[in-house]
């Protein structure tokens, strides 16, 4: 396995590990002693990974080391003005509007690239996936969960809102009404329910999670890369709200690109 060109110190500060093996990349949240709690450097490192992956990478797996996927934002940031040189929530609130907006936008960009149709992304989720952990799983195209998973959107009960792209992704996954109930109640969603409401693709015993995700990635990368990317973009457009006519027009344009590419021998 090889590593993409991301600053090793940034990966360390972000609590991440990255392995790239041909068409497959695996991002591991690697702070199991802290239940893979996230810090702003986590989002900075994720953004750097998204910008550095080789073109041949067709699938990205996001997983957590240890017994949890991610317990959310490191709790130190709720109380301290600064943690390890990074601003706490109160420090962000004190920034001028434009600076605060830019700061949060930079955080969001760490997750946003996971929906780039150039590659398919899969979250392998076990144990707790809370707050930012839930939103990271939602940022991926697909979620496969262990039978011990516990999703929770904790932000509203803490007086905050999900701000890492989680609101749109959750509505797309489960619909508006269920998203309202999950967010405002702050309750936990287990494996069986997650599959039943469309939040997860399938649930497996925890010991089988990595193997199940590996098999899924193999099947998802069976189609030619360019056809897969075009199809993923079409599906993403519909999920984002493209109407019938817009969807049909997008299909026509994509098919014409594919036909011309195949005739030209470009695959």
C-alpha atoms as a PDB file:
ATOM      1  CA  UNK A   1       0.000   0.000   0.000  1.00  0.00           C
ATOM      2  CA  UNK A   2       1.120   3.551  -0.677  1.00  0.00           C
ATOM      3  CA  UNK A   3       0.272   6.886   0.883  1.00  0.00           C
ATOM      4  CA  UNK A   4      -0.925   9.927  -1.038  1.00  0.00           C
ATOM      5  CA  UNK A   5       1.034  13.137  -0.657  1.00  0.00           C
ATOM      6  CA  UNK A   6      -0.453  14.564   2.537  1.00  0.00           C
ATOM      7  CA  UNK A   7       1.712  16.148   5.217  1.00  0.00           C
ATOM      8  CA  UNK A   8       2.271  13.364   7.805  1.00  0.00           C
ATOM      9  CA  UNK A   9       2.227  15.944  10.616  1.00  0.00           C
ATOM     10  CA  UNK A  10      -1.197  17.184   9.484  1.00  0.00           C
ATOM     11  CA  UNK A  11      -2.506  13.611   9.451  1.00  0.00           C
ATOM     12  CA  UNK A  12      -1.127  13.122  12.953  1.00  0.00           C
ATOM     13  CA  UNK A  13      -2.671  16.343  14.259  1.00  0.00           C
ATOM     14  CA  UNK A  14      -5.954  15.445  12.621  1.00  0.00           C
ATOM     15  CA  UNK A  15      -5.925  11.953  14.080  1.00  0.00           C
ATOM     16  CA  UNK A  16      -6.108  10.283  10.678  1.00  0.00           C
ATOM     17  CA  UNK A  17      -4.338   7.519   8.792  1.00  0.00           C
ATOM     18  CA  UNK A  18      -4.445   7.166   5.016  1.00  0.00           C
ATOM     19  CA  UNK A  19      -3.689   4.164   2.841  1.00  0.00           C
ATOM     20  CA  UNK A  20      -4.024   4.075  -0.938  1.00  0.00           C
ATOM     21  CA  UNK A  21      -3.918   0.777  -2.820  1.00  0.00           C
ATOM     22  CA  UNK A  22      -4.552   1.185  -6.547  1.00  0.00           C
ATOM     23  CA  UNK A  23      -8.190   2.166  -7.065  1.00  0.00           C
ATOM     24  CA  UNK A  24      -9.022   2.082  -3.345  1.00  0.00           C
ATOM     25  CA  UNK A  25      -8.212   4.565  -0.560  1.00  0.00           C
ATOM     26  CA  UNK A  26      -8.920   3.973   3.121  1.00  0.00           C
ATOM     27  CA  UNK A  27      -9.140   6.873   5.572  1.00  0.00           C
ATOM     28  CA  UNK A  28      -9.042   5.779   9.200  1.00  0.00           C
ATOM     29  CA  UNK A  29     -10.004   7.925  12.159  1.00  0.00           C
ATOM     30  CA  UNK A  30      -7.127   6.886  14.360  1.00  0.00           C
ATOM     31  CA  UNK A  31      -7.735   8.228  17.874  1.00  0.00           C
ATOM     32  CA  UNK A  32      -9.425   5.177  19.407  1.00  0.00           C
ATOM     33  CA  UNK A  33      -8.412   6.264  22.919  1.00  0.00           C
ATOM     34  CA  UNK A  34     -10.671   9.331  22.402  1.00  0.00           C
ATOM     35  CA  UNK A  35     -13.385   7.422  20.518  1.00  0.00           C
ATOM     36  CA  UNK A  36     -12.041   9.127  17.379  1.00  0.00           C
ATOM     37  CA  UNK A  37     -13.243  12.540  18.488  1.00  0.00           C
ATOM     38  CA  UNK A  38     -12.604  15.140  15.803  1.00  0.00           C
ATOM     39  CA  UNK A  39     -10.731  18.437  15.939  1.00  0.00           C
ATOM     40  CA  UNK A  40     -10.470  21.233  13.333  1.00  0.00           C
ATOM     41  CA  UNK A  41      -7.214  19.655  12.132  1.00  0.00           C
ATOM     42  CA  UNK A  42      -9.243  16.531  11.299  1.00  0.00           C
ATOM     43  CA  UNK A  43     -11.268  18.530   8.789  1.00  0.00           C
ATOM     44  CA  UNK A  44      -8.150  20.254   7.459  1.00  0.00           C
ATOM     45  CA  UNK A  45      -6.501  16.871   6.950  1.00  0.00           C
ATOM     46  CA  UNK A  46      -9.608  15.464   5.267  1.00  0.00           C
ATOM     47  CA  UNK A  47      -9.620  18.433   2.888  1.00  0.00           C
ATOM     48  CA  UNK A  48      -5.951  17.821   2.083  1.00  0.00           C
ATOM     49  CA  UNK A  49      -6.642  14.138   1.419  1.00  0.00           C
ATOM     50  CA  UNK A  50      -9.457  15.026  -0.964  1.00  0.00           C
ATOM     51  CA  UNK A  51      -7.126  17.260  -2.931  1.00  0.00           C
ATOM     52  CA  UNK A  52      -4.266  14.781  -3.074  1.00  0.00           C
ATOM     53  CA  UNK A  53      -5.796  11.447  -4.064  1.00  0.00           C
ATOM     54  CA  UNK A  54      -4.438  10.056  -7.343  1.00  0.00           C
ATOM     55  CA  UNK A  55      -6.821  10.035 -10.304  1.00  0.00           C
ATOM     56  CA  UNK A  56      -6.849   6.233 -10.326  1.00  0.00           C
ATOM     57  CA  UNK A  57      -8.567   6.109  -6.920  1.00  0.00           C
ATOM     58  CA  UNK A  58     -12.175   5.144  -7.632  1.00  0.00           C
ATOM     59  CA  UNK A  59     -13.444   4.328  -4.149  1.00  0.00           C
ATOM     60  CA  UNK A  60     -12.797   5.812  -0.721  1.00  0.00           C
ATOM     61  CA  UNK A  61     -13.601   4.031   2.534  1.00  0.00           C
ATOM     62  CA  UNK A  62     -13.900   6.050   5.750  1.00  0.00           C
ATOM     63  CA  UNK A  63     -13.625   3.997   8.927  1.00  0.00           C
ATOM     64  CA  UNK A  64     -12.851   4.382  12.615  1.00  0.00           C
ATOM     65  CA  UNK A  65     -10.271   2.493  14.640  1.00  0.00           C
ATOM     66  CA  UNK A  66     -11.394   0.806  17.834  1.00  0.00           C
ATOM     67  CA  UNK A  67     -14.901   0.503  19.203  1.00  0.00           C
ATOM     68  CA  UNK A  68     -16.413   3.711  17.795  1.00  0.00           C
ATOM     69  CA  UNK A  69     -16.582   5.406  14.415  1.00  0.00           C
ATOM     70  CA  UNK A  70     -16.436   8.894  15.935  1.00  0.00           C
ATOM     71  CA  UNK A  71     -17.871  10.431  19.099  1.00  0.00           C
ATOM     72  CA  UNK A  72     -18.068  13.832  17.385  1.00  0.00           C
ATOM     73  CA  UNK A  73     -16.222  17.061  18.131  1.00  0.00           C
ATOM     74  CA  UNK A  74     -13.575  16.781  20.843  1.00  0.00           C
ATOM     75  CA  UNK A  75     -15.310  18.015  24.017  1.00  0.00           C
ATOM     76  CA  UNK A  76     -12.419  20.335  24.860  1.00  0.00           C
ATOM     77  CA  UNK A  77     -13.581  22.720  22.131  1.00  0.00           C
ATOM     78  CA  UNK A  78     -16.872  23.360  23.917  1.00  0.00           C
ATOM     79  CA  UNK A  79     -15.168  24.840  26.983  1.00  0.00           C
ATOM     80  CA  UNK A  80     -11.729  26.196  26.072  1.00  0.00           C
ATOM     81  CA  UNK A  81     -11.076  29.308  23.949  1.00  0.00           C
ATOM     82  CA  UNK A  82      -8.240  27.446  22.251  1.00  0.00           C
ATOM     83  CA  UNK A  83      -7.071  23.831  22.106  1.00  0.00           C
ATOM     84  CA  UNK A  84      -3.663  22.924  20.664  1.00  0.00           C
ATOM     85  CA  UNK A  85      -3.549  26.225  18.802  1.00  0.00           C
ATOM     86  CA  UNK A  86      -7.021  25.784  17.311  1.00  0.00           C
ATOM     87  CA  UNK A  87      -9.997  28.031  18.183  1.00  0.00           C
ATOM     88  CA  UNK A  88     -12.747  26.790  20.453  1.00  0.00           C
ATOM     89  CA  UNK A  89     -16.409  27.419  19.746  1.00  0.00           C
ATOM     90  CA  UNK A  90     -16.482  30.621  21.807  1.00  0.00           C
ATOM     91  CA  UNK A  91     -13.508  31.990  19.882  1.00  0.00           C
ATOM     92  CA  UNK A  92     -15.259  31.318  16.581  1.00  0.00           C
ATOM     93  CA  UNK A  93     -18.395  33.070  17.887  1.00  0.00           C
ATOM     94  CA  UNK A  94     -16.284  36.149  18.684  1.00  0.00           C
ATOM     95  CA  UNK A  95     -14.963  36.480  15.129  1.00  0.00           C
ATOM     96  CA  UNK A  96     -16.440  39.058  12.722  1.00  0.00           C
ATOM     97  CA  UNK A  97     -19.208  37.607  10.561  1.00  0.00           C
ATOM     98  CA  UNK A  98     -17.108  37.163   7.412  1.00  0.00           C
ATOM     99  CA  UNK A  99     -14.232  35.536   9.263  1.00  0.00           C
ATOM    100  CA  UNK A 100     -16.537  33.208  11.196  1.00  0.00           C
ATOM    101  CA  UNK A 101     -18.339  32.234   7.998  1.00  0.00           C
ATOM    102  CA  UNK A 102     -15.033  31.521   6.245  1.00  0.00           C
ATOM    103  CA  UNK A 103     -13.842  29.434   9.201  1.00  0.00           C
ATOM    104  CA  UNK A 104     -16.934  27.231   9.187  1.00  0.00           C
ATOM    105  CA  UNK A 105     -16.851  26.990   5.379  1.00  0.00           C
ATOM    106  CA  UNK A 106     -13.299  25.647   5.618  1.00  0.00           C
ATOM    107  CA  UNK A 107     -14.485  23.028   8.108  1.00  0.00           C
ATOM    108  CA  UNK A 108     -17.314  22.012   5.750  1.00  0.00           C
ATOM    109  CA  UNK A 109     -14.936  21.556   2.832  1.00  0.00           C
ATOM    110  CA  UNK A 110     -13.272  18.701   4.708  1.00  0.00           C
ATOM    111  CA  UNK A 111     -16.457  16.649   4.221  1.00  0.00           C
ATOM    112  CA  UNK A 112     -17.870  18.104   0.987  1.00  0.00           C
ATOM    113  CA  UNK A 113     -15.421  16.411  -1.397  1.00  0.00           C
ATOM    114  CA  UNK A 114     -16.668  12.994  -0.299  1.00  0.00           C
ATOM    115  CA  UNK A 115     -19.700  13.578  -2.566  1.00  0.00           C
ATOM    116  CA  UNK A 116     -17.579  14.317  -5.636  1.00  0.00           C
ATOM    117  CA  UNK A 117     -18.919  11.928  -8.325  1.00  0.00           C
ATOM    118  CA  UNK A 118     -15.372  11.248  -9.507  1.00  0.00           C
ATOM    119  CA  UNK A 119     -15.319   8.416  -6.962  1.00  0.00           C
ATOM    120  CA  UNK A 120     -17.721   6.507  -4.748  1.00  0.00           C
ATOM    121  CA  UNK A 121     -17.358   6.827  -0.979  1.00  0.00           C
ATOM    122  CA  UNK A 122     -18.373   4.333   1.699  1.00  0.00           C
ATOM    123  CA  UNK A 123     -18.502   4.829   5.471  1.00  0.00           C
ATOM    124  CA  UNK A 124     -17.828   1.718   7.555  1.00  0.00           C
ATOM    125  CA  UNK A 125     -19.526   2.609  10.830  1.00  0.00           C
ATOM    126  CA  UNK A 126     -19.337   0.823  14.149  1.00  0.00           C
ATOM    127  CA  UNK A 127     -20.268   1.888  17.658  1.00  0.00           C
ATOM    128  CA  UNK A 128     -20.963   5.565  18.248  1.00  0.00           C
ATOM    129  CA  UNK A 129     -21.336   7.960  15.310  1.00  0.00           C
ATOM    130  CA  UNK A 130     -22.336  11.148  17.105  1.00  0.00           C
ATOM    131  CA  UNK A 131     -22.586  14.732  15.892  1.00  0.00           C
ATOM    132  CA  UNK A 132     -19.641  15.362  13.586  1.00  0.00           C
ATOM    133  CA  UNK A 133     -19.181  11.586  13.431  1.00  0.00           C
ATOM    134  CA  UNK A 134     -22.746  11.154  12.174  1.00  0.00           C
ATOM    135  CA  UNK A 135     -22.214  13.953   9.647  1.00  0.00           C
ATOM    136  CA  UNK A 136     -18.979  12.395   8.384  1.00  0.00           C
ATOM    137  CA  UNK A 137     -20.808   9.127   7.758  1.00  0.00           C
ATOM    138  CA  UNK A 138     -23.607  11.051   6.024  1.00  0.00           C
ATOM    139  CA  UNK A 139     -21.069  12.802   3.777  1.00  0.00           C
ATOM    140  CA  UNK A 140     -20.299   9.462   2.135  1.00  0.00           C
ATOM    141  CA  UNK A 141     -22.402   8.034  -0.678  1.00  0.00           C
ATOM    142  CA  UNK A 142     -23.103   4.807   1.201  1.00  0.00           C
ATOM    143  CA  UNK A 143     -22.997   3.546   4.766  1.00  0.00           C
ATOM    144  CA  UNK A 144     -22.452  -0.033   5.921  1.00  0.00           C
ATOM    145  CA  UNK A 145     -22.891  -0.452   9.662  1.00  0.00           C
ATOM    146  CA  UNK A 146     -21.988  -2.888  12.377  1.00  0.00           C
ATOM    147  CA  UNK A 147     -24.806  -4.298  14.455  1.00  0.00           C
ATOM    148  CA  UNK A 148     -23.680  -2.173  17.430  1.00  0.00           C
ATOM    149  CA  UNK A 149     -23.932   1.188  15.628  1.00  0.00           C
ATOM    150  CA  UNK A 150     -25.515   4.173  17.359  1.00  0.00           C
ATOM    151  CA  UNK A 151     -26.148   7.242  15.200  1.00  0.00           C
ATOM    152  CA  UNK A 152     -26.994  10.470  17.018  1.00  0.00           C
ATOM    153  CA  UNK A 153     -27.297  14.080  15.830  1.00  0.00           C
ATOM    154  CA  UNK A 154     -26.362  15.664  19.138  1.00  0.00           C
ATOM    155  CA  UNK A 155     -25.929  19.312  18.097  1.00  0.00           C
ATOM    156  CA  UNK A 156     -29.488  20.664  18.616  1.00  0.00           C
ATOM    157  CA  UNK A 157     -29.664  19.374  22.199  1.00  0.00           C
ATOM    158  CA  UNK A 158     -26.407  21.259  22.827  1.00  0.00           C
ATOM    159  CA  UNK A 159     -27.911  24.457  21.470  1.00  0.00           C
ATOM    160  CA  UNK A 160     -26.110  24.169  18.141  1.00  0.00           C
ATOM    161  CA  UNK A 161     -26.983  23.001  14.619  1.00  0.00           C
ATOM    162  CA  UNK A 162     -25.404  20.376  12.352  1.00  0.00           C
ATOM    163  CA  UNK A 163     -23.081  22.518  10.217  1.00  0.00           C
ATOM    164  CA  UNK A 164     -20.844  20.062   8.346  1.00  0.00           C
ATOM    165  CA  UNK A 165     -23.329  19.287   5.588  1.00  0.00           C
ATOM    166  CA  UNK A 166     -25.401  16.937   7.713  1.00  0.00           C
ATOM    167  CA  UNK A 167     -28.825  18.538   7.283  1.00  0.00           C
ATOM    168  CA  UNK A 168     -29.085  18.110   3.518  1.00  0.00           C
ATOM    169  CA  UNK A 169     -27.480  14.670   3.544  1.00  0.00           C
ATOM    170  CA  UNK A 170     -29.807  13.419   6.280  1.00  0.00           C
ATOM    171  CA  UNK A 171     -32.937  14.651   4.492  1.00  0.00           C
ATOM    172  CA  UNK A 172     -31.733  12.989   1.287  1.00  0.00           C
ATOM    173  CA  UNK A 173     -31.163   9.720   3.156  1.00  0.00           C
ATOM    174  CA  UNK A 174     -34.304   9.438   5.278  1.00  0.00           C
ATOM    175  CA  UNK A 175     -36.722  12.189   4.195  1.00  0.00           C
ATOM    176  CA  UNK A 176     -37.710  15.454   5.853  1.00  0.00           C
ATOM    177  CA  UNK A 177     -40.018  14.159   8.599  1.00  0.00           C
ATOM    178  CA  UNK A 178     -37.607  11.528   9.900  1.00  0.00           C
ATOM    179  CA  UNK A 179     -34.720  13.989   9.703  1.00  0.00           C
ATOM    180  CA  UNK A 180     -36.677  16.456  11.852  1.00  0.00           C
ATOM    181  CA  UNK A 181     -37.407  13.805  14.464  1.00  0.00           C
ATOM    182  CA  UNK A 182     -33.845  12.444  14.556  1.00  0.00           C
ATOM    183  CA  UNK A 183     -32.267  15.893  14.875  1.00  0.00           C
ATOM    184  CA  UNK A 184     -34.623  17.517  17.370  1.00  0.00           C
ATOM    185  CA  UNK A 185     -35.051  14.482  19.630  1.00  0.00           C
ATOM    186  CA  UNK A 186     -31.332  13.740  19.733  1.00  0.00           C
ATOM    187  CA  UNK A 187     -32.167  10.065  20.092  1.00  0.00           C
ATOM    188  CA  UNK A 188     -29.968   7.211  18.950  1.00  0.00           C
ATOM    189  CA  UNK A 189     -30.614   5.228  15.788  1.00  0.00           C
ATOM    190  CA  UNK A 190     -29.451   1.623  15.866  1.00  0.00           C
ATOM    191  CA  UNK A 191     -28.469  -0.723  13.077  1.00  0.00           C
ATOM    192  CA  UNK A 192     -31.827  -2.325  12.299  1.00  0.00           C
ATOM    193  CA  UNK A 193     -33.624   1.010  12.135  1.00  0.00           C
ATOM    194  CA  UNK A 194     -30.804   2.606  10.119  1.00  0.00           C
ATOM    195  CA  UNK A 195     -31.212  -0.022   7.406  1.00  0.00           C
ATOM    196  CA  UNK A 196     -35.000   0.147   7.571  1.00  0.00           C
ATOM    197  CA  UNK A 197     -35.182   3.924   6.986  1.00  0.00           C
ATOM    198  CA  UNK A 198     -32.485   4.049   4.315  1.00  0.00           C
ATOM    199  CA  UNK A 199     -29.770   5.574   6.469  1.00  0.00           C
ATOM    200  CA  UNK A 200     -27.561   2.506   5.980  1.00  0.00           C
ATOM    201  CA  UNK A 201     -27.243   0.128   3.060  1.00  0.00           C
ATOM    202  CA  UNK A 202     -26.828  -2.945   5.234  1.00  0.00           C
ATOM    203  CA  UNK A 203     -25.865  -4.055   8.749  1.00  0.00           C
ATOM    204  CA  UNK A 204     -23.435  -6.847   9.588  1.00  0.00           C
ATOM    205  CA  UNK A 205     -21.825  -8.263  12.729  1.00  0.00           C
ATOM    206  CA  UNK A 206     -19.030  -5.971  13.906  1.00  0.00           C
ATOM    207  CA  UNK A 207     -16.367  -8.595  13.191  1.00  0.00           C
ATOM    208  CA  UNK A 208     -17.489  -8.739   9.557  1.00  0.00           C
ATOM    209  CA  UNK A 209     -17.654  -4.987   8.870  1.00  0.00           C
ATOM    210  CA  UNK A 210     -14.317  -4.527   7.103  1.00  0.00           C
ATOM    211  CA  UNK A 211     -14.837  -7.609   4.926  1.00  0.00           C
ATOM    212  CA  UNK A 212     -18.369  -6.540   3.986  1.00  0.00           C
ATOM    213  CA  UNK A 213     -17.162  -3.074   3.003  1.00  0.00           C
ATOM    214  CA  UNK A 214     -14.293  -4.581   1.019  1.00  0.00           C
ATOM    215  CA  UNK A 215     -16.675  -6.777  -0.943  1.00  0.00           C
ATOM    216  CA  UNK A 216     -18.976  -3.829  -1.579  1.00  0.00           C
ATOM    217  CA  UNK A 217     -16.131  -1.671  -2.888  1.00  0.00           C
ATOM    218  CA  UNK A 218     -15.070  -4.465  -5.225  1.00  0.00           C
ATOM    219  CA  UNK A 219     -18.573  -4.611  -6.698  1.00  0.00           C
ATOM    220  CA  UNK A 220     -18.865  -0.817  -6.938  1.00  0.00           C
ATOM    221  CA  UNK A 221     -15.670  -0.545  -8.972  1.00  0.00           C
ATOM    222  CA  UNK A 222     -16.576  -3.293 -11.461  1.00  0.00           C
ATOM    223  CA  UNK A 223     -17.993  -0.882 -14.070  1.00  0.00           C
ATOM    224  CA  UNK A 224     -15.614   1.190 -16.233  1.00  0.00           C
ATOM    225  CA  UNK A 225     -14.437   4.261 -14.341  1.00  0.00           C
ATOM    226  CA  UNK A 226     -15.835   6.933 -16.665  1.00  0.00           C
ATOM    227  CA  UNK A 227     -19.244   5.295 -16.950  1.00  0.00           C
ATOM    228  CA  UNK A 228     -19.383   4.908 -13.176  1.00  0.00           C
ATOM    229  CA  UNK A 229     -18.518   8.570 -12.594  1.00  0.00           C
ATOM    230  CA  UNK A 230     -21.116   9.770 -15.097  1.00  0.00           C
ATOM    231  CA  UNK A 231     -23.776   7.549 -13.522  1.00  0.00           C
ATOM    232  CA  UNK A 232     -22.909   8.707 -10.026  1.00  0.00           C
ATOM    233  CA  UNK A 233     -23.173  12.329 -11.147  1.00  0.00           C
ATOM    234  CA  UNK A 234     -26.617  11.664 -12.647  1.00  0.00           C
ATOM    235  CA  UNK A 235     -27.870  10.039  -9.459  1.00  0.00           C
ATOM    236  CA  UNK A 236     -26.421  12.824  -7.325  1.00  0.00           C
ATOM    237  CA  UNK A 237     -28.218  15.387  -9.472  1.00  0.00           C
ATOM    238  CA  UNK A 238     -31.551  13.693  -8.905  1.00  0.00           C
ATOM    239  CA  UNK A 239     -30.857  13.404  -5.169  1.00  0.00           C
ATOM    240  CA  UNK A 240     -30.080  17.126  -5.106  1.00  0.00           C
ATOM    241  CA  UNK A 241     -33.507  17.892  -6.544  1.00  0.00           C
ATOM    242  CA  UNK A 242     -33.147  17.901 -10.321  1.00  0.00           C
ATOM    243  CA  UNK A 243     -36.621  17.767 -11.857  1.00  0.00           C
ATOM    244  CA  UNK A 244     -37.744  15.268 -14.514  1.00  0.00           C
ATOM    245  CA  UNK A 245     -36.810  17.399 -17.511  1.00  0.00           C
ATOM    246  CA  UNK A 246     -33.444  18.401 -16.054  1.00  0.00           C
ATOM    247  CA  UNK A 247     -32.696  14.756 -15.211  1.00  0.00           C
ATOM    248  CA  UNK A 248     -33.564  13.630 -18.738  1.00  0.00           C
ATOM    249  CA  UNK A 249     -31.418  16.368 -20.252  1.00  0.00           C
ATOM    250  CA  UNK A 250     -28.514  15.391 -17.992  1.00  0.00           C
ATOM    251  CA  UNK A 251     -28.887  11.760 -19.091  1.00  0.00           C
ATOM    252  CA  UNK A 252     -28.826  12.760 -22.759  1.00  0.00           C
ATOM    253  CA  UNK A 253     -25.697  14.858 -22.327  1.00  0.00           C
ATOM    254  CA  UNK A 254     -23.926  12.179 -20.292  1.00  0.00           C
ATOM    255  CA  UNK A 255     -24.797   9.454 -22.776  1.00  0.00           C
ATOM    256  CA  UNK A 256     -23.515  11.535 -25.671  1.00  0.00           C
ATOM    257  CA  UNK A 257     -20.222  12.035 -23.853  1.00  0.00           C
ATOM    258  CA  UNK A 258     -19.983   8.306 -23.225  1.00  0.00           C
ATOM    259  CA  UNK A 259     -20.788   7.376 -26.832  1.00  0.00           C
ATOM    260  CA  UNK A 260     -18.225   9.783 -28.212  1.00  0.00           C
ATOM    261  CA  UNK A 261     -15.631   8.584 -25.729  1.00  0.00           C
ATOM    262  CA  UNK A 262     -16.242   4.924 -26.593  1.00  0.00           C
ATOM    263  CA  UNK A 263     -16.117   5.591 -30.335  1.00  0.00           C
ATOM    264  CA  UNK A 264     -12.847   7.451 -29.814  1.00  0.00           C
ATOM    265  CA  UNK A 265     -11.466   4.455 -27.923  1.00  0.00           C
ATOM    266  CA  UNK A 266     -11.125   6.378 -24.659  1.00  0.00           C
ATOM    267  CA  UNK A 267     -13.129   3.919 -22.571  1.00  0.00           C
END
